[in-house]
Amino acid sequence: MGALHAGHRSLLDRARSDNSTLAATIFVNPTQFGPSEDYSEYPRDLKSDLAMMEETGVDLLFTPSAKEMYPEGFDTSIDVGRIAQRLEGEHRPDHFIGVATVVCKLLSIARPDRAYFGQKDAQQSLVIKRLNTDLNLGAEIVICPTVREPDGLALSSRNNYMGPPGREAATVLYRSLKLAEDLGTSDANEIRSRMRNLIGSETLASIEYVSVADAETLEELDVIDRPALVSLAVHIGATRLIDNILINSDG
């Protein structure tokens, strides 16, 4: 959605190395924002974005307007089902309907052989994989690792919203994920509890959810006996951040 940073750069670099032709899209999609969310304030910096596109050798850039993507009379939406109803879907109603609809349109317009997304938005990646498979859109969906600051904070355009105190407090997300990884237990309830206790010790942090779930279905686990996605959504002041890690059943 623009306001590109090093995380986006890593996707562009990977796509550039894998393919003979590289296309990119920038579109701040209004339909994936709730009525009280930050669509109007979402950071936009097309000049800087274009410079990164040139540096990474993008051959084609598609930057449509909202009116182009959603012309008068537009009345179609895509509901990907159960995978979109948990976690983010529970806390942000209709968010993934907006995501699935716009990604379907973009994949249908571009018809790429491969499309690249980041692991930071893990549930979004699962939604897009389901969409691509179920509707036979024909792309290979490539998920690339989360890019982090030296202190572990996942890169995000929304990090720009935070001042120094919030930025320091935001490291609690990654610290809690590392705690989950380092505990070495298969007891998912203990992991959730310990993560909540750590996050709760940060005065600027407010927990929206902490999840330990099946990495494919996002069904919550009691025991980690298969690959698991440990994910969370936390408000640091007024800024909502998400992050995740994958852990295996061997702890």
C-alpha atoms as a PDB file:
ATOM      1  CA  MET A   1       0.000   0.000   0.000  1.00  0.00           C
ATOM      2  CA  GLY A   2       2.958   2.329  -0.411  1.00  0.00           C
ATOM      3  CA  ALA A   3       5.108   4.153   2.173  1.00  0.00           C
ATOM      4  CA  LEU A   4       7.681   1.545   1.211  1.00  0.00           C
ATOM      5  CA  HIS A   5      10.411   0.468   3.626  1.00  0.00           C
ATOM      6  CA  ALA A   6      13.150  -2.166   3.773  1.00  0.00           C
ATOM      7  CA  GLY A   7      10.575  -4.936   4.207  1.00  0.00           C
ATOM      8  CA  HIS A   8       9.000  -4.045   0.873  1.00  0.00           C
ATOM      9  CA  ARG A   9      12.483  -3.690  -0.590  1.00  0.00           C
ATOM     10  CA  SER A  10      13.215  -7.301   0.356  1.00  0.00           C
ATOM     11  CA  LEU A  11      10.122  -8.444  -1.579  1.00  0.00           C
ATOM     12  CA  LEU A  12      11.152  -6.424  -4.624  1.00  0.00           C
ATOM     13  CA  ASP A  13      14.714  -7.757  -4.477  1.00  0.00           C
ATOM     14  CA  ARG A  14      13.516 -11.360  -4.198  1.00  0.00           C
ATOM     15  CA  ALA A  15      11.050 -10.917  -7.062  1.00  0.00           C
ATOM     16  CA  ARG A  16      13.675  -9.192  -9.180  1.00  0.00           C
ATOM     17  CA  SER A  17      16.121 -12.063  -8.680  1.00  0.00           C
ATOM     18  CA  ASP A  18      13.515 -14.725  -9.479  1.00  0.00           C
ATOM     19  CA  ASN A  19      11.935 -13.275 -12.615  1.00  0.00           C
ATOM     20  CA  SER A  20      12.745 -11.760 -15.984  1.00  0.00           C
ATOM     21  CA  THR A  21      10.016  -9.102 -15.633  1.00  0.00           C
ATOM     22  CA  LEU A  22       8.974  -7.401 -12.399  1.00  0.00           C
ATOM     23  CA  ALA A  23       5.666  -5.604 -11.897  1.00  0.00           C
ATOM     24  CA  ALA A  24       4.544  -3.873  -8.699  1.00  0.00           C
ATOM     25  CA  THR A  25       1.360  -2.250  -7.484  1.00  0.00           C
ATOM     26  CA  ILE A  26       0.770   0.595  -5.047  1.00  0.00           C
ATOM     27  CA  PHE A  27      -2.798   1.082  -3.917  1.00  0.00           C
ATOM     28  CA  VAL A  28      -4.087   2.146  -0.500  1.00  0.00           C
ATOM     29  CA  ASN A  29      -7.213   0.018  -0.556  1.00  0.00           C
ATOM     30  CA  PRO A  30     -10.164   1.757   1.125  1.00  0.00           C
ATOM     31  CA  THR A  31     -12.307  -1.367   1.429  1.00  0.00           C
ATOM     32  CA  GLN A  32      -9.962  -3.085   3.892  1.00  0.00           C
ATOM     33  CA  PHE A  33     -10.172  -0.230   6.415  1.00  0.00           C
ATOM     34  CA  GLY A  34     -12.920  -0.131   9.009  1.00  0.00           C
ATOM     35  CA  PRO A  35     -14.962   3.053   9.566  1.00  0.00           C
ATOM     36  CA  SER A  36     -12.857   4.110  12.585  1.00  0.00           C
ATOM     37  CA  GLU A  37      -9.487   3.077  11.135  1.00  0.00           C
ATOM     38  CA  ASP A  38      -6.687   5.132   9.622  1.00  0.00           C
ATOM     39  CA  TYR A  39      -7.415   5.184   5.868  1.00  0.00           C
ATOM     40  CA  SER A  40      -7.193   8.970   5.545  1.00  0.00           C
ATOM     41  CA  GLU A  41      -4.057   9.143   7.724  1.00  0.00           C
ATOM     42  CA  TYR A  42      -2.309   6.110   6.251  1.00  0.00           C
ATOM     43  CA  PRO A  43       1.205   7.216   5.185  1.00  0.00           C
ATOM     44  CA  ARG A  44       1.652   7.938   1.492  1.00  0.00           C
ATOM     45  CA  ASP A  45       4.961   8.904  -0.149  1.00  0.00           C
ATOM     46  CA  LEU A  46       4.775   8.136  -3.853  1.00  0.00           C
ATOM     47  CA  LYS A  47       7.939  10.093  -4.706  1.00  0.00           C
ATOM     48  CA  SER A  48      10.037   7.995  -2.328  1.00  0.00           C
ATOM     49  CA  ASP A  49       8.237   4.832  -3.441  1.00  0.00           C
ATOM     50  CA  LEU A  50       9.057   5.535  -7.078  1.00  0.00           C
ATOM     51  CA  ALA A  51      12.726   5.981  -6.198  1.00  0.00           C
ATOM     52  CA  MET A  52      12.802   2.538  -4.565  1.00  0.00           C
ATOM     53  CA  MET A  53      11.049   1.046  -7.583  1.00  0.00           C
ATOM     54  CA  GLU A  54      13.701   2.469  -9.876  1.00  0.00           C
ATOM     55  CA  GLU A  55      16.530   1.254  -7.639  1.00  0.00           C
ATOM     56  CA  THR A  56      15.189  -2.303  -7.622  1.00  0.00           C
ATOM     57  CA  GLY A  57      14.558  -2.430 -11.362  1.00  0.00           C
ATOM     58  CA  VAL A  58      10.771  -2.568 -11.437  1.00  0.00           C
ATOM     59  CA  ASP A  59       9.657  -2.816 -15.072  1.00  0.00           C
ATOM     60  CA  LEU A  60       6.004  -1.939 -14.582  1.00  0.00           C
ATOM     61  CA  LEU A  61       4.276  -0.031 -11.788  1.00  0.00           C
ATOM     62  CA  PHE A  62       0.482   0.036 -11.441  1.00  0.00           C
ATOM     63  CA  THR A  63      -0.869   2.827  -9.216  1.00  0.00           C
ATOM     64  CA  PRO A  64      -4.629   3.017  -9.827  1.00  0.00           C
ATOM     65  CA  SER A  65      -7.010   5.415  -8.146  1.00  0.00           C
ATOM     66  CA  ALA A  66      -9.858   4.248  -5.930  1.00  0.00           C
ATOM     67  CA  LYS A  67     -12.305   5.261  -8.671  1.00  0.00           C
ATOM     68  CA  GLU A  68     -10.470   3.067 -11.179  1.00  0.00           C
ATOM     69  CA  MET A  69     -10.544   0.051  -8.873  1.00  0.00           C
ATOM     70  CA  TYR A  70     -14.067   0.647  -7.603  1.00  0.00           C
ATOM     71  CA  PRO A  71     -16.014   2.456 -10.337  1.00  0.00           C
ATOM     72  CA  GLU A  72     -19.557   3.627  -9.801  1.00  0.00           C
ATOM     73  CA  GLY A  73     -21.873   0.655  -9.408  1.00  0.00           C
ATOM     74  CA  PHE A  74     -19.149  -1.724  -8.211  1.00  0.00           C
ATOM     75  CA  ASP A  75     -20.977  -4.318  -6.100  1.00  0.00           C
ATOM     76  CA  THR A  76     -18.847  -7.480  -5.902  1.00  0.00           C
ATOM     77  CA  SER A  77     -16.929  -8.786  -2.901  1.00  0.00           C
ATOM     78  CA  ILE A  78     -15.062 -11.972  -2.013  1.00  0.00           C
ATOM     79  CA  ASP A  79     -15.365 -13.806   1.296  1.00  0.00           C
ATOM     80  CA  VAL A  80     -12.605 -16.390   1.687  1.00  0.00           C
ATOM     81  CA  GLY A  81     -14.382 -18.146   4.554  1.00  0.00           C
ATOM     82  CA  ARG A  82     -13.116 -19.662   7.793  1.00  0.00           C
ATOM     83  CA  ILE A  83      -9.441 -18.753   7.437  1.00  0.00           C
ATOM     84  CA  ALA A  84     -10.460 -15.080   7.262  1.00  0.00           C
ATOM     85  CA  GLN A  85     -12.826 -15.170  10.236  1.00  0.00           C
ATOM     86  CA  ARG A  86     -10.275 -15.772  13.000  1.00  0.00           C
ATOM     87  CA  LEU A  87      -7.736 -13.397  14.598  1.00  0.00           C
ATOM     88  CA  GLU A  88      -7.688 -10.247  12.446  1.00  0.00           C
ATOM     89  CA  GLY A  89     -11.026 -11.217  10.928  1.00  0.00           C
ATOM     90  CA  GLU A  90     -12.648 -11.392  14.347  1.00  0.00           C
ATOM     91  CA  HIS A  91     -11.305  -8.018  15.454  1.00  0.00           C
ATOM     92  CA  ARG A  92     -11.564  -6.213  12.110  1.00  0.00           C
ATOM     93  CA  PRO A  93     -14.887  -7.215  10.542  1.00  0.00           C
ATOM     94  CA  ASP A  94     -14.884  -7.193   6.716  1.00  0.00           C
ATOM     95  CA  HIS A  95     -11.137  -6.443   6.611  1.00  0.00           C
ATOM     96  CA  PHE A  96     -10.300  -9.599   4.694  1.00  0.00           C
ATOM     97  CA  ILE A  97     -13.251  -9.188   2.373  1.00  0.00           C
ATOM     98  CA  GLY A  98     -11.598  -5.941   1.283  1.00  0.00           C
ATOM     99  CA  VAL A  99      -8.176  -7.597   1.058  1.00  0.00           C
ATOM    100  CA  ALA A 100      -9.417 -10.618  -0.900  1.00  0.00           C
ATOM    101  CA  THR A 101     -11.441  -8.504  -3.300  1.00  0.00           C
ATOM    102  CA  VAL A 102      -8.621  -6.119  -4.166  1.00  0.00           C
ATOM    103  CA  VAL A 103      -5.976  -8.855  -4.395  1.00  0.00           C
ATOM    104  CA  CYS A 104      -8.242 -10.857  -6.687  1.00  0.00           C
ATOM    105  CA  LYS A 105      -8.612  -7.787  -8.902  1.00  0.00           C
ATOM    106  CA  LEU A 106      -4.864  -7.096  -8.915  1.00  0.00           C
ATOM    107  CA  LEU A 107      -3.935 -10.709  -9.694  1.00  0.00           C
ATOM    108  CA  SER A 108      -6.572 -10.823 -12.422  1.00  0.00           C
ATOM    109  CA  ILE A 109      -5.259  -7.598 -13.966  1.00  0.00           C
ATOM    110  CA  ALA A 110      -1.548  -8.472 -13.760  1.00  0.00           C
ATOM    111  CA  ARG A 111      -1.779 -12.269 -14.236  1.00  0.00           C
ATOM    112  CA  PRO A 112       1.650 -12.827 -12.636  1.00  0.00           C
ATOM    113  CA  ASP A 113       3.502 -16.130 -12.627  1.00  0.00           C
ATOM    114  CA  ARG A 114       4.505 -15.387  -9.033  1.00  0.00           C
ATOM    115  CA  ALA A 115       3.282 -12.909  -6.425  1.00  0.00           C
ATOM    116  CA  TYR A 116       5.292 -11.967  -3.335  1.00  0.00           C
ATOM    117  CA  PHE A 117       3.975 -11.218   0.152  1.00  0.00           C
ATOM    118  CA  GLY A 118       5.548 -10.852   3.595  1.00  0.00           C
ATOM    119  CA  GLN A 119       5.319 -13.247   6.536  1.00  0.00           C
ATOM    120  CA  LYS A 120       4.599 -10.306   8.871  1.00  0.00           C
ATOM    121  CA  ASP A 121       1.014 -10.394   7.590  1.00  0.00           C
ATOM    122  CA  ALA A 122       0.788 -14.151   8.126  1.00  0.00           C
ATOM    123  CA  GLN A 123      -2.984 -14.459   8.119  1.00  0.00           C
ATOM    124  CA  GLN A 124      -3.229 -12.281   5.024  1.00  0.00           C
ATOM    125  CA  SER A 125      -0.806 -14.654   3.303  1.00  0.00           C
ATOM    126  CA  LEU A 126      -3.020 -17.630   4.176  1.00  0.00           C
ATOM    127  CA  VAL A 127      -6.095 -15.769   2.935  1.00  0.00           C
ATOM    128  CA  ILE A 128      -4.379 -14.955  -0.364  1.00  0.00           C
ATOM    129  CA  LYS A 129      -3.203 -18.542  -0.828  1.00  0.00           C
ATOM    130  CA  ARG A 130      -6.768 -19.783  -0.280  1.00  0.00           C
ATOM    131  CA  LEU A 131      -8.128 -17.159  -2.669  1.00  0.00           C
ATOM    132  CA  ASN A 132      -5.573 -18.016  -5.348  1.00  0.00           C
ATOM    133  CA  THR A 133      -6.248 -21.750  -5.070  1.00  0.00           C
ATOM    134  CA  ASP A 134     -10.032 -21.610  -4.823  1.00  0.00           C
ATOM    135  CA  LEU A 135     -10.508 -19.184  -7.713  1.00  0.00           C
ATOM    136  CA  ASN A 136      -7.795 -20.708  -9.948  1.00  0.00           C
ATOM    137  CA  LEU A 137      -5.974 -17.400 -10.336  1.00  0.00           C
ATOM    138  CA  GLY A 138      -2.844 -19.230 -11.435  1.00  0.00           C
ATOM    139  CA  ALA A 139      -0.109 -17.442  -9.493  1.00  0.00           C
ATOM    140  CA  GLU A 140       2.544 -19.033  -7.320  1.00  0.00           C
ATOM    141  CA  ILE A 141       2.232 -17.236  -3.972  1.00  0.00           C
ATOM    142  CA  VAL A 142       5.696 -16.695  -2.464  1.00  0.00           C
ATOM    143  CA  ILE A 143       5.925 -15.773   1.231  1.00  0.00           C
ATOM    144  CA  CYS A 144       9.110 -13.956   2.259  1.00  0.00           C
ATOM    145  CA  PRO A 145      10.561 -13.577   5.772  1.00  0.00           C
ATOM    146  CA  THR A 146       9.670 -10.661   8.034  1.00  0.00           C
ATOM    147  CA  VAL A 147      12.288  -7.895   8.012  1.00  0.00           C
ATOM    148  CA  ARG A 148      13.063  -6.456  11.443  1.00  0.00           C
ATOM    149  CA  GLU A 149      14.880  -3.588  13.068  1.00  0.00           C
ATOM    150  CA  PRO A 150      18.006  -4.513  15.078  1.00  0.00           C
ATOM    151  CA  ASP A 151      15.890  -4.581  18.247  1.00  0.00           C
ATOM    152  CA  GLY A 152      13.401  -6.988  16.661  1.00  0.00           C
ATOM    153  CA  LEU A 153      10.532  -4.644  15.817  1.00  0.00           C
ATOM    154  CA  ALA A 154       8.942  -5.759  12.546  1.00  0.00           C
ATOM    155  CA  LEU A 155       9.104  -3.088   9.860  1.00  0.00           C
ATOM    156  CA  SER A 156       5.716  -1.508   9.190  1.00  0.00           C
ATOM    157  CA  SER A 157       4.497   1.694   7.616  1.00  0.00           C
ATOM    158  CA  ARG A 158       2.500   2.274  10.817  1.00  0.00           C
ATOM    159  CA  ASN A 159       5.707   2.425  12.877  1.00  0.00           C
ATOM    160  CA  ASN A 160       5.919   6.023  11.651  1.00  0.00           C
ATOM    161  CA  TYR A 161       2.967   6.888  13.896  1.00  0.00           C
ATOM    162  CA  MET A 162       4.962   6.311  17.093  1.00  0.00           C
ATOM    163  CA  GLY A 163       7.168   8.789  18.916  1.00  0.00           C
ATOM    164  CA  PRO A 164      10.308   7.651  20.808  1.00  0.00           C
ATOM    165  CA  PRO A 165       8.460   6.358  23.918  1.00  0.00           C
ATOM    166  CA  GLY A 166       6.060   4.301  21.810  1.00  0.00           C
ATOM    167  CA  ARG A 167       8.853   3.078  19.567  1.00  0.00           C
ATOM    168  CA  GLU A 168      10.746   1.780  22.597  1.00  0.00           C
ATOM    169  CA  ALA A 169       7.611   0.215  24.079  1.00  0.00           C
ATOM    170  CA  ALA A 170       6.819  -1.527  20.773  1.00  0.00           C
ATOM    171  CA  THR A 171       9.770  -3.887  21.212  1.00  0.00           C
ATOM    172  CA  VAL A 172       7.574  -5.802  23.668  1.00  0.00           C
ATOM    173  CA  LEU A 173       5.856  -7.495  20.707  1.00  0.00           C
ATOM    174  CA  TYR A 174       9.010  -9.196  19.510  1.00  0.00           C
ATOM    175  CA  ARG A 175      10.218  -9.854  23.039  1.00  0.00           C
ATOM    176  CA  SER A 176       7.002 -11.727  23.772  1.00  0.00           C
ATOM    177  CA  LEU A 177       7.321 -13.744  20.553  1.00  0.00           C
ATOM    178  CA  LYS A 178      10.901 -14.658  21.419  1.00  0.00           C
ATOM    179  CA  LEU A 179       9.708 -15.684  24.868  1.00  0.00           C
ATOM    180  CA  ALA A 180       7.222 -18.063  23.223  1.00  0.00           C
ATOM    181  CA  GLU A 181      10.006 -19.495  21.079  1.00  0.00           C
ATOM    182  CA  ASP A 182      12.474 -19.841  23.950  1.00  0.00           C
ATOM    183  CA  LEU A 183      10.148 -21.381  26.546  1.00  0.00           C
ATOM    184  CA  GLY A 184      10.602 -24.800  24.983  1.00  0.00           C
ATOM    185  CA  THR A 185       7.164 -26.001  26.021  1.00  0.00           C
ATOM    186  CA  SER A 186       4.364 -27.519  23.961  1.00  0.00           C
ATOM    187  CA  ASP A 187       1.731 -26.109  26.360  1.00  0.00           C
ATOM    188  CA  ALA A 188       0.040 -23.442  24.235  1.00  0.00           C
ATOM    189  CA  ASN A 189      -1.966 -22.096  27.174  1.00  0.00           C
ATOM    190  CA  GLU A 190       1.217 -21.487  29.157  1.00  0.00           C
ATOM    191  CA  ILE A 191       2.753 -19.685  26.192  1.00  0.00           C
ATOM    192  CA  ARG A 192      -0.267 -17.409  25.817  1.00  0.00           C
ATOM    193  CA  SER A 193      -0.285 -16.666  29.548  1.00  0.00           C
ATOM    194  CA  ARG A 194       3.434 -15.880  29.724  1.00  0.00           C
ATOM    195  CA  MET A 195       3.221 -13.667  26.656  1.00  0.00           C
ATOM    196  CA  ARG A 196       0.272 -11.756  28.118  1.00  0.00           C
ATOM    197  CA  ASN A 197       2.146 -11.226  31.379  1.00  0.00           C
ATOM    198  CA  LEU A 198       5.173  -9.826  29.568  1.00  0.00           C
ATOM    199  CA  ILE A 199       3.135  -7.507  27.352  1.00  0.00           C
ATOM    200  CA  GLY A 200       1.079  -6.396  30.346  1.00  0.00           C
ATOM    201  CA  SER A 201       4.260  -5.187  32.052  1.00  0.00           C
ATOM    202  CA  GLU A 202       4.610  -2.483  29.371  1.00  0.00           C
ATOM    203  CA  THR A 203       2.451   0.474  30.417  1.00  0.00           C
ATOM    204  CA  LEU A 204       1.894   1.779  26.861  1.00  0.00           C
ATOM    205  CA  ALA A 205       0.773  -1.628  25.548  1.00  0.00           C
ATOM    206  CA  SER A 206      -2.816  -2.834  25.311  1.00  0.00           C
ATOM    207  CA  ILE A 207      -3.426  -6.411  24.109  1.00  0.00           C
ATOM    208  CA  GLU A 208      -6.035  -7.086  21.444  1.00  0.00           C
ATOM    209  CA  TYR A 209      -5.210 -10.771  21.043  1.00  0.00           C
ATOM    210  CA  VAL A 210      -2.461 -13.331  21.645  1.00  0.00           C
ATOM    211  CA  SER A 211      -2.793 -16.524  19.636  1.00  0.00           C
ATOM    212  CA  VAL A 212      -1.068 -19.897  19.399  1.00  0.00           C
ATOM    213  CA  ALA A 213      -2.743 -21.604  16.474  1.00  0.00           C
ATOM    214  CA  ASP A 214      -2.370 -24.243  13.800  1.00  0.00           C
ATOM    215  CA  ALA A 215      -0.145 -22.646  11.166  1.00  0.00           C
ATOM    216  CA  GLU A 216      -2.472 -23.640   8.318  1.00  0.00           C
ATOM    217  CA  THR A 217      -6.009 -23.416   9.730  1.00  0.00           C
ATOM    218  CA  LEU A 218      -5.449 -20.836  12.535  1.00  0.00           C
ATOM    219  CA  GLU A 219      -7.457 -22.978  14.936  1.00  0.00           C
ATOM    220  CA  GLU A 220      -6.259 -22.307  18.483  1.00  0.00           C
ATOM    221  CA  LEU A 221      -4.143 -25.065  20.037  1.00  0.00           C
ATOM    222  CA  ASP A 222      -3.932 -26.440  23.561  1.00  0.00           C
ATOM    223  CA  VAL A 223      -0.848 -28.483  22.738  1.00  0.00           C
ATOM    224  CA  ILE A 224       1.694 -27.641  20.041  1.00  0.00           C
ATOM    225  CA  ASP A 225       1.815 -30.967  18.216  1.00  0.00           C
ATOM    226  CA  ARG A 226       2.179 -29.500  14.725  1.00  0.00           C
ATOM    227  CA  PRO A 227       3.630 -26.308  13.173  1.00  0.00           C
ATOM    228  CA  ALA A 228       2.104 -23.358  15.005  1.00  0.00           C
ATOM    229  CA  LEU A 229       1.708 -19.664  14.299  1.00  0.00           C
ATOM    230  CA  VAL A 230       2.240 -17.524  17.374  1.00  0.00           C
ATOM    231  CA  SER A 231       0.707 -14.138  16.597  1.00  0.00           C
ATOM    232  CA  LEU A 232      -0.508 -11.048  18.363  1.00  0.00           C
ATOM    233  CA  ALA A 233      -2.109  -7.667  17.902  1.00  0.00           C
ATOM    234  CA  VAL A 234      -1.155  -4.976  20.401  1.00  0.00           C
ATOM    235  CA  HIS A 235      -1.940  -1.287  20.648  1.00  0.00           C
ATOM    236  CA  ILE A 236       1.034   0.872  21.578  1.00  0.00           C
ATOM    237  CA  GLY A 237      -0.799   4.026  22.537  1.00  0.00           C
ATOM    238  CA  ALA A 238      -3.018   4.730  19.533  1.00  0.00           C
ATOM    239  CA  THR A 239      -0.936   2.622  17.115  1.00  0.00           C
ATOM    240  CA  ARG A 240      -2.072  -0.909  16.366  1.00  0.00           C
ATOM    241  CA  LEU A 241       0.746  -3.346  15.558  1.00  0.00           C
ATOM    242  CA  ILE A 242       0.755  -7.017  14.582  1.00  0.00           C
ATOM    243  CA  ASP A 243       3.556  -9.568  14.485  1.00  0.00           C
ATOM    244  CA  ASN A 244       4.103 -13.335  14.476  1.00  0.00           C
ATOM    245  CA  ILE A 245       6.590 -16.178  14.438  1.00  0.00           C
ATOM    246  CA  LEU A 246       6.312 -19.817  13.364  1.00  0.00           C
ATOM    247  CA  ILE A 247       7.308 -22.519  15.827  1.00  0.00           C
ATOM    248  CA  ASN A 248       7.435 -26.283  15.365  1.00  0.00           C
ATOM    249  CA  SER A 249       5.998 -29.084  17.457  1.00  0.00           C
ATOM    250  CA  ASP A 250       9.444 -30.030  18.750  1.00  0.00           C
ATOM    251  CA  GLY A 251       9.449 -26.737  20.764  1.00  0.00           C
END
